[in-house]
Amino acid sequence: MATTSQQISNVNTLHYRFEGPFESSYSLAVVNREMARALERLCPGSVALYATEGPGDYEPDLSGLQHDPEIIQLWERHVTATSATPEVTLRNLYPPRVSDMAGKLHVMNNYAWEESVFPRAYVDAFNQHLQMLAITSQFVRKVMVDSGVTVPIVVTGNGVDHILRYPVEPVSLPTDKAFRFLHVSSCFPRKGVDVLLDAYTRMFSCYDDVLLIIKTFPNPHNTVEQQIRVYQARNPDCPAIHVISAELSMGQLNSLYAQAHALVAPSRGEGFGMPMAEAMLWDVPVIVTGYGGHTDFCTPDTAWLIDYTFAKATNAYAAV
């Protein structure tokens, strides 16, 4: 007999627990909380959130969720159900720790991988501890299969329409330049910000009516501001560049998309590419490398694809 969501909600059991970051603007966190929210609406009362990262559990900072009581409730449900073992544990975190998952069914959900090979240690752990792997793109599926992952794999993609729920909150820019390029990323080496800066500073000067906006966040691999200073020191006519490293709300991020005329992402590797999909929702043209997980939706008909060649990754690129 089929089980309805109403029947599930009437059973005092924790059916699904999403494990990973969920409270910040980090892409993994956004995906985790929105997946939990969607499943809770299908199966009311049966979903919880659990804060953990690759290195281990942590106490989440819920201050940014003050206006999102639905997500806070899912977190609190985990707290009140600490003795309950979920039937299904869905985990999405990095590094991909899977050996300590509770529950009957262990799933890595919305999992993305950007490199062409999945490390052997991860392959062995997935094959030993998972019952299913839900991934973000056909690119990731090929990498997993080619690397030896044998558990059932399903391509789910990522939802991105959640950003449309948030009204635009003004973000002022330090210039009135008429054409604005936008780049949104961690600025890890694989994100190709070095290629972006080189192309932008070669093509334009301060006399051109253009601005490059880079939305990023501080991290050990992010050297974008140092790179910009090098270009500015070399060239007194360097075109306008504005870096935003502060945390932005979804409404403020929407403001950047609303003010952009093109999103540029010369990435060396993507498992999905949320900024590209979000930009498309805002009808912002996308300029992106013609290889990676984003090519499930960034095609010659929907984006301007950048030519590429393959090269062996250096240790720096392989690490991030």
C-alpha atoms as a PDB file:
ATOM      1  CA  MET A   1       0.000   0.000   0.000  1.00  0.00           C
ATOM      2  CA  ALA A   2       1.351   3.436  -0.890  1.00  0.00           C
ATOM      3  CA  THR A   3       2.299   5.714   2.019  1.00  0.00           C
ATOM      4  CA  THR A   4       1.091   9.297   1.812  1.00  0.00           C
ATOM      5  CA  SER A   5       2.899  12.317   3.242  1.00  0.00           C
ATOM      6  CA  GLN A   6       0.017  12.762   5.696  1.00  0.00           C
ATOM      7  CA  GLN A   7       0.449   9.200   6.966  1.00  0.00           C
ATOM      8  CA  ILE A   8       4.168   9.806   7.388  1.00  0.00           C
ATOM      9  CA  SER A   9       3.534  13.010   9.349  1.00  0.00           C
ATOM     10  CA  ASN A  10       1.329  11.125  11.797  1.00  0.00           C
ATOM     11  CA  VAL A  11       4.108   8.717  12.768  1.00  0.00           C
ATOM     12  CA  ASN A  12       6.344   9.912  15.595  1.00  0.00           C
ATOM     13  CA  THR A  13       9.513   8.972  13.734  1.00  0.00           C
ATOM     14  CA  LEU A  14      12.357  10.975  12.251  1.00  0.00           C
ATOM     15  CA  HIS A  15      12.331   9.733   8.670  1.00  0.00           C
ATOM     16  CA  TYR A  16      14.866  12.040   7.007  1.00  0.00           C
ATOM     17  CA  ARG A  17      17.859  13.914   8.387  1.00  0.00           C
ATOM     18  CA  PHE A  18      19.902  16.254   6.214  1.00  0.00           C
ATOM     19  CA  GLU A  19      23.455  16.516   7.512  1.00  0.00           C
ATOM     20  CA  GLY A  20      25.899  19.260   6.567  1.00  0.00           C
ATOM     21  CA  PRO A  21      26.169  23.053   6.708  1.00  0.00           C
ATOM     22  CA  PHE A  22      22.819  24.788   6.292  1.00  0.00           C
ATOM     23  CA  GLU A  23      22.842  28.240   7.921  1.00  0.00           C
ATOM     24  CA  SER A  24      25.101  30.371   5.680  1.00  0.00           C
ATOM     25  CA  SER A  25      25.234  31.581   2.060  1.00  0.00           C
ATOM     26  CA  TYR A  26      27.761  28.819   1.249  1.00  0.00           C
ATOM     27  CA  SER A  27      26.393  26.903  -1.747  1.00  0.00           C
ATOM     28  CA  LEU A  28      26.344  23.584   0.126  1.00  0.00           C
ATOM     29  CA  ALA A  29      24.412  25.236   2.951  1.00  0.00           C
ATOM     30  CA  VAL A  30      21.867  26.739   0.559  1.00  0.00           C
ATOM     31  CA  VAL A  31      21.305  23.391  -1.155  1.00  0.00           C
ATOM     32  CA  ASN A  32      20.998  21.510   2.142  1.00  0.00           C
ATOM     33  CA  ARG A  33      18.405  23.789   3.705  1.00  0.00           C
ATOM     34  CA  GLU A  34      16.343  24.127   0.531  1.00  0.00           C
ATOM     35  CA  MET A  35      16.287  20.357   0.003  1.00  0.00           C
ATOM     36  CA  ALA A  36      15.217  19.871   3.618  1.00  0.00           C
ATOM     37  CA  ARG A  37      12.553  22.562   3.251  1.00  0.00           C
ATOM     38  CA  ALA A  38      11.142  20.968   0.100  1.00  0.00           C
ATOM     39  CA  LEU A  39      11.026  17.459   1.567  1.00  0.00           C
ATOM     40  CA  GLU A  40       9.428  18.749   4.775  1.00  0.00           C
ATOM     41  CA  ARG A  41       6.627  20.262   2.701  1.00  0.00           C
ATOM     42  CA  LEU A  42       6.083  16.897   1.014  1.00  0.00           C
ATOM     43  CA  CYS A  43       6.354  14.908   4.260  1.00  0.00           C
ATOM     44  CA  PRO A  44       5.438  17.256   7.131  1.00  0.00           C
ATOM     45  CA  GLY A  45       6.968  16.528  10.499  1.00  0.00           C
ATOM     46  CA  SER A  46       9.467  13.938   9.270  1.00  0.00           C
ATOM     47  CA  VAL A  47      12.557  15.995   8.346  1.00  0.00           C
ATOM     48  CA  ALA A  48      15.384  17.423  10.457  1.00  0.00           C
ATOM     49  CA  LEU A  49      18.626  19.324   9.875  1.00  0.00           C
ATOM     50  CA  TYR A  50      21.929  18.433  11.531  1.00  0.00           C
ATOM     51  CA  ALA A  51      24.978  20.729  11.534  1.00  0.00           C
ATOM     52  CA  THR A  52      28.183  18.980  10.556  1.00  0.00           C
ATOM     53  CA  GLU A  53      31.115  19.539   8.223  1.00  0.00           C
ATOM     54  CA  GLY A  54      33.899  17.376   6.840  1.00  0.00           C
ATOM     55  CA  PRO A  55      36.017  17.656  10.019  1.00  0.00           C
ATOM     56  CA  GLY A  56      33.051  16.994  12.344  1.00  0.00           C
ATOM     57  CA  ASP A  57      29.950  18.396  14.043  1.00  0.00           C
ATOM     58  CA  TYR A  58      29.614  22.063  14.998  1.00  0.00           C
ATOM     59  CA  GLU A  59      27.161  24.448  16.634  1.00  0.00           C
ATOM     60  CA  PRO A  60      25.468  26.455  13.863  1.00  0.00           C
ATOM     61  CA  ASP A  61      25.177  30.244  13.980  1.00  0.00           C
ATOM     62  CA  LEU A  62      21.449  30.757  13.472  1.00  0.00           C
ATOM     63  CA  SER A  63      21.567  34.566  13.562  1.00  0.00           C
ATOM     64  CA  GLY A  64      21.246  34.748   9.785  1.00  0.00           C
ATOM     65  CA  LEU A  65      18.082  32.624   9.884  1.00  0.00           C
ATOM     66  CA  GLN A  66      16.040  34.906  12.139  1.00  0.00           C
ATOM     67  CA  HIS A  67      13.598  35.521   9.307  1.00  0.00           C
ATOM     68  CA  ASP A  68      13.440  31.854   8.319  1.00  0.00           C
ATOM     69  CA  PRO A  69      11.586  30.082  11.156  1.00  0.00           C
ATOM     70  CA  GLU A  70      10.910  27.067   8.942  1.00  0.00           C
ATOM     71  CA  ILE A  71      14.620  26.187   8.841  1.00  0.00           C
ATOM     72  CA  ILE A  72      15.135  26.918  12.535  1.00  0.00           C
ATOM     73  CA  GLN A  73      12.283  24.519  13.287  1.00  0.00           C
ATOM     74  CA  LEU A  74      13.996  21.769  11.271  1.00  0.00           C
ATOM     75  CA  TRP A  75      17.179  22.322  13.270  1.00  0.00           C
ATOM     76  CA  GLU A  76      15.272  22.286  16.550  1.00  0.00           C
ATOM     77  CA  ARG A  77      13.597  19.038  15.528  1.00  0.00           C
ATOM     78  CA  HIS A  78      17.040  17.425  15.444  1.00  0.00           C
ATOM     79  CA  VAL A  79      17.716  18.755  18.939  1.00  0.00           C
ATOM     80  CA  THR A  80      14.451  17.383  20.330  1.00  0.00           C
ATOM     81  CA  ALA A  81      14.922  14.064  18.548  1.00  0.00           C
ATOM     82  CA  THR A  82      18.525  13.340  19.492  1.00  0.00           C
ATOM     83  CA  SER A  83      17.612   9.825  20.600  1.00  0.00           C
ATOM     84  CA  ALA A  84      15.822   9.066  17.345  1.00  0.00           C
ATOM     85  CA  THR A  85      17.732   7.382  14.545  1.00  0.00           C
ATOM     86  CA  PRO A  86      16.592   8.623  11.134  1.00  0.00           C
ATOM     87  CA  GLU A  87      15.447   6.101   8.586  1.00  0.00           C
ATOM     88  CA  VAL A  88      17.317   7.993   5.855  1.00  0.00           C
ATOM     89  CA  THR A  89      20.428  10.096   6.384  1.00  0.00           C
ATOM     90  CA  LEU A  90      21.214  12.509   3.550  1.00  0.00           C
ATOM     91  CA  ARG A  91      24.615  14.127   3.807  1.00  0.00           C
ATOM     92  CA  ASN A  92      26.243  16.892   1.773  1.00  0.00           C
ATOM     93  CA  LEU A  93      29.541  18.241   3.066  1.00  0.00           C
ATOM     94  CA  TYR A  94      33.221  18.545   2.262  1.00  0.00           C
ATOM     95  CA  PRO A  95      35.407  16.602   2.702  1.00  0.00           C
ATOM     96  CA  PRO A  96      32.850  13.829   2.102  1.00  0.00           C
ATOM     97  CA  ARG A  97      32.853  12.019   5.463  1.00  0.00           C
ATOM     98  CA  VAL A  98      30.529   9.006   5.219  1.00  0.00           C
ATOM     99  CA  SER A  99      31.804   6.358   7.649  1.00  0.00           C
ATOM    100  CA  ASP A 100      29.774   7.543  10.660  1.00  0.00           C
ATOM    101  CA  MET A 101      26.312   8.003   9.134  1.00  0.00           C
ATOM    102  CA  ALA A 102      23.359   6.848  11.241  1.00  0.00           C
ATOM    103  CA  GLY A 103      20.121   5.363   9.951  1.00  0.00           C
ATOM    104  CA  LYS A 104      19.106   2.530   7.668  1.00  0.00           C
ATOM    105  CA  LEU A 105      19.779   4.243   4.339  1.00  0.00           C
ATOM    106  CA  HIS A 106      22.846   6.408   3.731  1.00  0.00           C
ATOM    107  CA  VAL A 107      22.772   8.886   0.845  1.00  0.00           C
ATOM    108  CA  MET A 108      25.163  11.585  -0.296  1.00  0.00           C
ATOM    109  CA  ASN A 109      22.736  14.092  -1.770  1.00  0.00           C
ATOM    110  CA  ASN A 110      23.278  16.808  -4.375  1.00  0.00           C
ATOM    111  CA  TYR A 111      26.931  15.843  -4.412  1.00  0.00           C
ATOM    112  CA  ALA A 112      29.238  17.775  -6.722  1.00  0.00           C
ATOM    113  CA  TRP A 113      32.808  17.086  -7.801  1.00  0.00           C
ATOM    114  CA  GLU A 114      34.854  19.366 -10.030  1.00  0.00           C
ATOM    115  CA  GLU A 115      37.914  17.311 -11.003  1.00  0.00           C
ATOM    116  CA  SER A 116      38.161  14.582 -13.652  1.00  0.00           C
ATOM    117  CA  VAL A 117      39.131  11.887 -11.113  1.00  0.00           C
ATOM    118  CA  PHE A 118      37.619  11.017  -7.719  1.00  0.00           C
ATOM    119  CA  PRO A 119      40.240  10.065  -5.077  1.00  0.00           C
ATOM    120  CA  ARG A 120      40.576   6.343  -4.389  1.00  0.00           C
ATOM    121  CA  ALA A 121      40.010   6.762  -0.647  1.00  0.00           C
ATOM    122  CA  TYR A 122      36.689   8.507  -1.305  1.00  0.00           C
ATOM    123  CA  VAL A 123      35.669   5.840  -3.836  1.00  0.00           C
ATOM    124  CA  ASP A 124      36.306   3.067  -1.309  1.00  0.00           C
ATOM    125  CA  ALA A 125      34.414   4.923   1.435  1.00  0.00           C
ATOM    126  CA  PHE A 126      31.406   5.580  -0.814  1.00  0.00           C
ATOM    127  CA  ASN A 127      31.254   1.954  -1.957  1.00  0.00           C
ATOM    128  CA  GLN A 128      31.488   0.685   1.619  1.00  0.00           C
ATOM    129  CA  HIS A 129      29.147   3.055   3.453  1.00  0.00           C
ATOM    130  CA  LEU A 130      26.585   4.477   0.996  1.00  0.00           C
ATOM    131  CA  GLN A 131      23.450   2.934  -0.446  1.00  0.00           C
ATOM    132  CA  MET A 132      22.894   5.716  -2.974  1.00  0.00           C
ATOM    133  CA  LEU A 133      24.672   8.717  -4.469  1.00  0.00           C
ATOM    134  CA  ALA A 134      22.563  11.634  -5.730  1.00  0.00           C
ATOM    135  CA  ILE A 135      24.673  14.003  -7.819  1.00  0.00           C
ATOM    136  CA  THR A 136      24.426  17.361  -9.526  1.00  0.00           C
ATOM    137  CA  SER A 137      25.261  16.705 -13.179  1.00  0.00           C
ATOM    138  CA  GLN A 138      26.086  14.210 -15.906  1.00  0.00           C
ATOM    139  CA  PHE A 139      29.692  15.375 -15.651  1.00  0.00           C
ATOM    140  CA  VAL A 140      29.856  14.273 -12.007  1.00  0.00           C
ATOM    141  CA  ARG A 141      28.197  10.966 -12.856  1.00  0.00           C
ATOM    142  CA  LYS A 142      30.859  10.173 -15.452  1.00  0.00           C
ATOM    143  CA  VAL A 143      33.653  11.039 -13.011  1.00  0.00           C
ATOM    144  CA  MET A 144      32.156   8.773 -10.339  1.00  0.00           C
ATOM    145  CA  VAL A 145      31.617   5.825 -12.681  1.00  0.00           C
ATOM    146  CA  ASP A 146      35.038   6.198 -14.318  1.00  0.00           C
ATOM    147  CA  SER A 147      36.673   6.366 -10.877  1.00  0.00           C
ATOM    148  CA  GLY A 148      35.053   3.132  -9.690  1.00  0.00           C
ATOM    149  CA  VAL A 149      32.025   4.160  -7.619  1.00  0.00           C
ATOM    150  CA  THR A 150      29.600   1.216  -7.781  1.00  0.00           C
ATOM    151  CA  VAL A 151      26.669   2.298  -5.587  1.00  0.00           C
ATOM    152  CA  PRO A 152      23.481   3.367  -7.410  1.00  0.00           C
ATOM    153  CA  ILE A 153      23.846   6.883  -8.841  1.00  0.00           C
ATOM    154  CA  VAL A 154      21.065   9.297  -9.770  1.00  0.00           C
ATOM    155  CA  VAL A 155      21.515  12.739 -11.337  1.00  0.00           C
ATOM    156  CA  THR A 156      19.280  15.228  -9.529  1.00  0.00           C
ATOM    157  CA  GLY A 157      20.836  18.569 -10.389  1.00  0.00           C
ATOM    158  CA  ASN A 158      20.265  21.487  -8.020  1.00  0.00           C
ATOM    159  CA  GLY A 159      17.251  23.687  -7.581  1.00  0.00           C
ATOM    160  CA  VAL A 160      17.980  27.417  -7.765  1.00  0.00           C
ATOM    161  CA  ASP A 161      14.573  29.090  -7.907  1.00  0.00           C
ATOM    162  CA  HIS A 162      14.690  29.697  -4.150  1.00  0.00           C
ATOM    163  CA  ILE A 163      16.489  32.983  -4.837  1.00  0.00           C
ATOM    164  CA  LEU A 164      13.341  34.360  -6.454  1.00  0.00           C
ATOM    165  CA  ARG A 165      11.575  34.258  -3.077  1.00  0.00           C
ATOM    166  CA  TYR A 166      13.807  37.055  -1.785  1.00  0.00           C
ATOM    167  CA  PRO A 167      13.018  40.657  -2.756  1.00  0.00           C
ATOM    168  CA  VAL A 168      15.914  42.752  -3.983  1.00  0.00           C
ATOM    169  CA  GLU A 169      17.779  44.581  -1.224  1.00  0.00           C
ATOM    170  CA  PRO A 170      19.823  47.519  -2.545  1.00  0.00           C
ATOM    171  CA  VAL A 171      23.584  47.105  -2.895  1.00  0.00           C
ATOM    172  CA  SER A 172      25.328  50.311  -3.900  1.00  0.00           C
ATOM    173  CA  LEU A 173      28.264  50.220  -6.280  1.00  0.00           C
ATOM    174  CA  PRO A 174      31.149  52.727  -6.182  1.00  0.00           C
ATOM    175  CA  THR A 175      30.742  53.788  -9.797  1.00  0.00           C
ATOM    176  CA  ASP A 176      28.140  54.643 -12.395  1.00  0.00           C
ATOM    177  CA  LYS A 177      29.802  52.606 -15.145  1.00  0.00           C
ATOM    178  CA  ALA A 178      27.199  51.669 -17.729  1.00  0.00           C
ATOM    179  CA  PHE A 179      28.130  48.012 -18.353  1.00  0.00           C
ATOM    180  CA  ARG A 180      28.699  45.672 -15.430  1.00  0.00           C
ATOM    181  CA  PHE A 181      30.292  42.218 -15.563  1.00  0.00           C
ATOM    182  CA  LEU A 182      29.640  39.999 -12.529  1.00  0.00           C
ATOM    183  CA  HIS A 183      31.701  37.114 -11.170  1.00  0.00           C
ATOM    184  CA  VAL A 184      30.429  35.142  -8.150  1.00  0.00           C
ATOM    185  CA  SER A 185      32.731  32.526  -6.640  1.00  0.00           C
ATOM    186  CA  SER A 186      35.070  31.509  -3.840  1.00  0.00           C
ATOM    187  CA  CYS A 187      37.950  32.644  -6.087  1.00  0.00           C
ATOM    188  CA  PHE A 188      39.620  29.280  -5.502  1.00  0.00           C
ATOM    189  CA  PRO A 189      42.261  28.748  -8.228  1.00  0.00           C
ATOM    190  CA  ARG A 190      39.935  26.440 -10.162  1.00  0.00           C
ATOM    191  CA  LYS A 191      37.397  29.270 -10.496  1.00  0.00           C
ATOM    192  CA  GLY A 192      39.650  30.903 -13.089  1.00  0.00           C
ATOM    193  CA  VAL A 193      39.657  34.415 -11.646  1.00  0.00           C
ATOM    194  CA  ASP A 194      43.255  34.777 -12.880  1.00  0.00           C
ATOM    195  CA  VAL A 195      42.029  34.164 -16.430  1.00  0.00           C
ATOM    196  CA  LEU A 196      39.152  36.587 -15.893  1.00  0.00           C
ATOM    197  CA  LEU A 197      41.423  39.381 -14.654  1.00  0.00           C
ATOM    198  CA  ASP A 198      43.894  38.833 -17.482  1.00  0.00           C
ATOM    199  CA  ALA A 199      41.189  38.972 -20.162  1.00  0.00           C
ATOM    200  CA  TYR A 200      39.367  41.921 -18.592  1.00  0.00           C
ATOM    201  CA  THR A 201      42.485  44.073 -18.151  1.00  0.00           C
ATOM    202  CA  ARG A 202      43.681  43.258 -21.675  1.00  0.00           C
ATOM    203  CA  MET A 203      40.355  44.140 -23.253  1.00  0.00           C
ATOM    204  CA  PHE A 204      39.419  47.281 -21.321  1.00  0.00           C
ATOM    205  CA  SER A 205      40.921  50.340 -19.644  1.00  0.00           C
ATOM    206  CA  CYS A 206      39.734  52.912 -17.123  1.00  0.00           C
ATOM    207  CA  TYR A 207      38.482  54.981 -20.051  1.00  0.00           C
ATOM    208  CA  ASP A 208      35.926  52.311 -20.953  1.00  0.00           C
ATOM    209  CA  ASP A 209      32.451  52.474 -19.438  1.00  0.00           C
ATOM    210  CA  VAL A 210      32.706  49.039 -17.790  1.00  0.00           C
ATOM    211  CA  LEU A 211      32.945  47.595 -14.285  1.00  0.00           C
ATOM    212  CA  LEU A 212      33.891  44.104 -13.117  1.00  0.00           C
ATOM    213  CA  ILE A 213      32.131  43.132  -9.871  1.00  0.00           C
ATOM    214  CA  ILE A 214      33.628  40.167  -8.013  1.00  0.00           C
ATOM    215  CA  LYS A 215      31.481  38.713  -5.230  1.00  0.00           C
ATOM    216  CA  THR A 216      33.585  36.379  -3.104  1.00  0.00           C
ATOM    217  CA  PHE A 217      34.463  35.609   0.507  1.00  0.00           C
ATOM    218  CA  PRO A 218      37.721  35.394   2.481  1.00  0.00           C
ATOM    219  CA  ASN A 219      39.403  31.991   2.470  1.00  0.00           C
ATOM    220  CA  PRO A 220      42.985  30.664   2.450  1.00  0.00           C
ATOM    221  CA  HIS A 221      42.901  30.015  -1.312  1.00  0.00           C
ATOM    222  CA  ASN A 222      41.515  33.434  -2.258  1.00  0.00           C
ATOM    223  CA  THR A 223      44.202  35.819  -3.544  1.00  0.00           C
ATOM    224  CA  VAL A 224      42.014  37.936  -5.821  1.00  0.00           C
ATOM    225  CA  GLU A 225      42.768  41.261  -4.108  1.00  0.00           C
ATOM    226  CA  GLN A 226      46.511  40.653  -4.332  1.00  0.00           C
ATOM    227  CA  GLN A 227      46.128  39.751  -8.011  1.00  0.00           C
ATOM    228  CA  ILE A 228      44.179  42.949  -8.665  1.00  0.00           C
ATOM    229  CA  ARG A 229      46.857  45.061  -6.966  1.00  0.00           C
ATOM    230  CA  VAL A 230      49.464  43.544  -9.285  1.00  0.00           C
ATOM    231  CA  TYR A 231      47.443  44.521 -12.365  1.00  0.00           C
ATOM    232  CA  GLN A 232      46.823  48.014 -11.001  1.00  0.00           C
ATOM    233  CA  ALA A 233      50.526  48.511 -10.242  1.00  0.00           C
ATOM    234  CA  ARG A 234      51.494  47.422 -13.744  1.00  0.00           C
ATOM    235  CA  ASN A 235      48.865  49.487 -15.512  1.00  0.00           C
ATOM    236  CA  PRO A 236      47.772  52.958 -14.367  1.00  0.00           C
ATOM    237  CA  ASP A 237      44.876  52.679 -16.840  1.00  0.00           C
ATOM    238  CA  CYS A 238      43.565  49.463 -15.285  1.00  0.00           C
ATOM    239  CA  PRO A 239      39.782  49.161 -15.785  1.00  0.00           C
ATOM    240  CA  ALA A 240      37.392  49.462 -12.851  1.00  0.00           C
ATOM    241  CA  ILE A 241      37.121  46.432 -10.543  1.00  0.00           C
ATOM    242  CA  HIS A 242      35.017  46.198  -7.389  1.00  0.00           C
ATOM    243  CA  VAL A 243      35.450  43.295  -4.944  1.00  0.00           C
ATOM    244  CA  ILE A 244      32.732  42.418  -2.418  1.00  0.00           C
ATOM    245  CA  SER A 245      33.996  40.025   0.263  1.00  0.00           C
ATOM    246  CA  ALA A 246      31.329  40.698   2.886  1.00  0.00           C
ATOM    247  CA  GLU A 247      28.480  38.294   3.552  1.00  0.00           C
ATOM    248  CA  LEU A 248      25.403  39.243   1.524  1.00  0.00           C
ATOM    249  CA  SER A 249      21.797  38.255   2.034  1.00  0.00           C
ATOM    250  CA  MET A 250      19.934  36.516  -0.770  1.00  0.00           C
ATOM    251  CA  GLY A 251      18.149  39.798  -1.468  1.00  0.00           C
ATOM    252  CA  GLN A 252      21.466  41.616  -1.791  1.00  0.00           C
ATOM    253  CA  LEU A 253      22.823  38.904  -4.079  1.00  0.00           C
ATOM    254  CA  ASN A 254      19.708  39.361  -6.188  1.00  0.00           C
ATOM    255  CA  SER A 255      20.587  43.057  -6.375  1.00  0.00           C
ATOM    256  CA  LEU A 256      23.929  42.174  -7.964  1.00  0.00           C
ATOM    257  CA  TYR A 257      22.226  39.963 -10.537  1.00  0.00           C
ATOM    258  CA  ALA A 258      19.688  42.714 -11.230  1.00  0.00           C
ATOM    259  CA  GLN A 259      22.496  45.235 -11.834  1.00  0.00           C
ATOM    260  CA  ALA A 260      24.654  42.921 -13.974  1.00  0.00           C
ATOM    261  CA  HIS A 261      24.723  42.820 -17.754  1.00  0.00           C
ATOM    262  CA  ALA A 262      26.723  39.574 -17.988  1.00  0.00           C
ATOM    263  CA  LEU A 263      27.978  36.882 -15.619  1.00  0.00           C
ATOM    264  CA  VAL A 264      31.502  35.673 -16.397  1.00  0.00           C
ATOM    265  CA  ALA A 265      32.838  32.350 -15.087  1.00  0.00           C
ATOM    266  CA  PRO A 266      35.986  31.027 -16.815  1.00  0.00           C
ATOM    267  CA  SER A 267      36.077  28.069 -14.435  1.00  0.00           C
ATOM    268  CA  ARG A 268      38.526  25.190 -14.698  1.00  0.00           C
ATOM    269  CA  GLY A 269      36.036  22.820 -13.102  1.00  0.00           C
ATOM    270  CA  GLU A 270      32.437  22.842 -11.855  1.00  0.00           C
ATOM    271  CA  GLY A 271      30.177  20.163 -10.460  1.00  0.00           C
ATOM    272  CA  PHE A 272      27.079  22.258 -11.142  1.00  0.00           C
ATOM    273  CA  GLY A 273      27.575  26.038 -11.202  1.00  0.00           C
ATOM    274  CA  MET A 274      24.872  27.702  -9.120  1.00  0.00           C
ATOM    275  CA  PRO A 275      25.810  31.312 -10.034  1.00  0.00           C
ATOM    276  CA  MET A 276      25.380  30.463 -13.708  1.00  0.00           C
ATOM    277  CA  ALA A 277      21.909  29.026 -13.114  1.00  0.00           C
ATOM    278  CA  GLU A 278      20.942  31.900 -10.813  1.00  0.00           C
ATOM    279  CA  ALA A 279      22.070  34.449 -13.406  1.00  0.00           C
ATOM    280  CA  MET A 280      19.922  32.730 -16.021  1.00  0.00           C
ATOM    281  CA  LEU A 281      16.898  33.056 -13.729  1.00  0.00           C
ATOM    282  CA  TRP A 282      17.584  36.796 -13.784  1.00  0.00           C
ATOM    283  CA  ASP A 283      17.917  36.752 -17.595  1.00  0.00           C
ATOM    284  CA  VAL A 284      21.581  37.721 -17.292  1.00  0.00           C
ATOM    285  CA  PRO A 285      23.721  36.428 -20.191  1.00  0.00           C
ATOM    286  CA  VAL A 286      26.325  33.879 -19.079  1.00  0.00           C
ATOM    287  CA  ILE A 287      29.902  33.600 -20.368  1.00  0.00           C
ATOM    288  CA  VAL A 288      31.377  30.326 -19.139  1.00  0.00           C
ATOM    289  CA  THR A 289      33.889  27.592 -19.916  1.00  0.00           C
ATOM    290  CA  GLY A 290      32.415  25.008 -22.275  1.00  0.00           C
ATOM    291  CA  TYR A 291      33.266  22.097 -19.976  1.00  0.00           C
ATOM    292  CA  GLY A 292      31.979  20.910 -16.612  1.00  0.00           C
ATOM    293  CA  GLY A 293      28.802  20.167 -14.718  1.00  0.00           C
ATOM    294  CA  HIS A 294      27.166  23.418 -15.789  1.00  0.00           C
ATOM    295  CA  THR A 295      27.052  22.246 -19.417  1.00  0.00           C
ATOM    296  CA  ASP A 296      23.878  20.339 -18.518  1.00  0.00           C
ATOM    297  CA  PHE A 297      22.196  23.746 -18.834  1.00  0.00           C
ATOM    298  CA  CYS A 298      24.910  26.015 -20.292  1.00  0.00           C
ATOM    299  CA  THR A 299      24.819  25.002 -23.943  1.00  0.00           C
ATOM    300  CA  PRO A 300      25.649  26.806 -27.201  1.00  0.00           C
ATOM    301  CA  ASP A 301      21.973  27.811 -27.287  1.00  0.00           C
ATOM    302  CA  THR A 302      21.850  29.233 -23.740  1.00  0.00           C
ATOM    303  CA  ALA A 303      25.328  30.656 -23.018  1.00  0.00           C
ATOM    304  CA  TRP A 304      28.520  31.978 -24.559  1.00  0.00           C
ATOM    305  CA  LEU A 305      30.939  29.078 -24.140  1.00  0.00           C
ATOM    306  CA  ILE A 306      34.664  29.708 -23.675  1.00  0.00           C
ATOM    307  CA  ASP A 307      37.054  27.420 -25.564  1.00  0.00           C
ATOM    308  CA  TYR A 308      39.345  25.279 -23.437  1.00  0.00           C
ATOM    309  CA  THR A 309      42.199  22.780 -23.559  1.00  0.00           C
ATOM    310  CA  PHE A 310      43.086  20.084 -21.036  1.00  0.00           C
ATOM    311  CA  ALA A 311      46.210  20.248 -18.897  1.00  0.00           C
ATOM    312  CA  LYS A 312      47.500  18.309 -15.926  1.00  0.00           C
ATOM    313  CA  ALA A 313      46.433  20.013 -12.702  1.00  0.00           C
ATOM    314  CA  THR A 314      49.109  21.432 -10.448  1.00  0.00           C
ATOM    315  CA  ASN A 315      49.006  20.589  -6.759  1.00  0.00           C
ATOM    316  CA  ALA A 316      47.379  23.959  -6.047  1.00  0.00           C
ATOM    317  CA  TYR A 317      44.520  23.396  -8.484  1.00  0.00           C
ATOM    318  CA  ALA A 318      44.056  19.753  -7.518  1.00  0.00           C
ATOM    319  CA  ALA A 319      43.718  20.726  -3.856  1.00  0.00           C
ATOM    320  CA  VAL A 320      40.844  23.146  -4.403  1.00  0.00           C
END
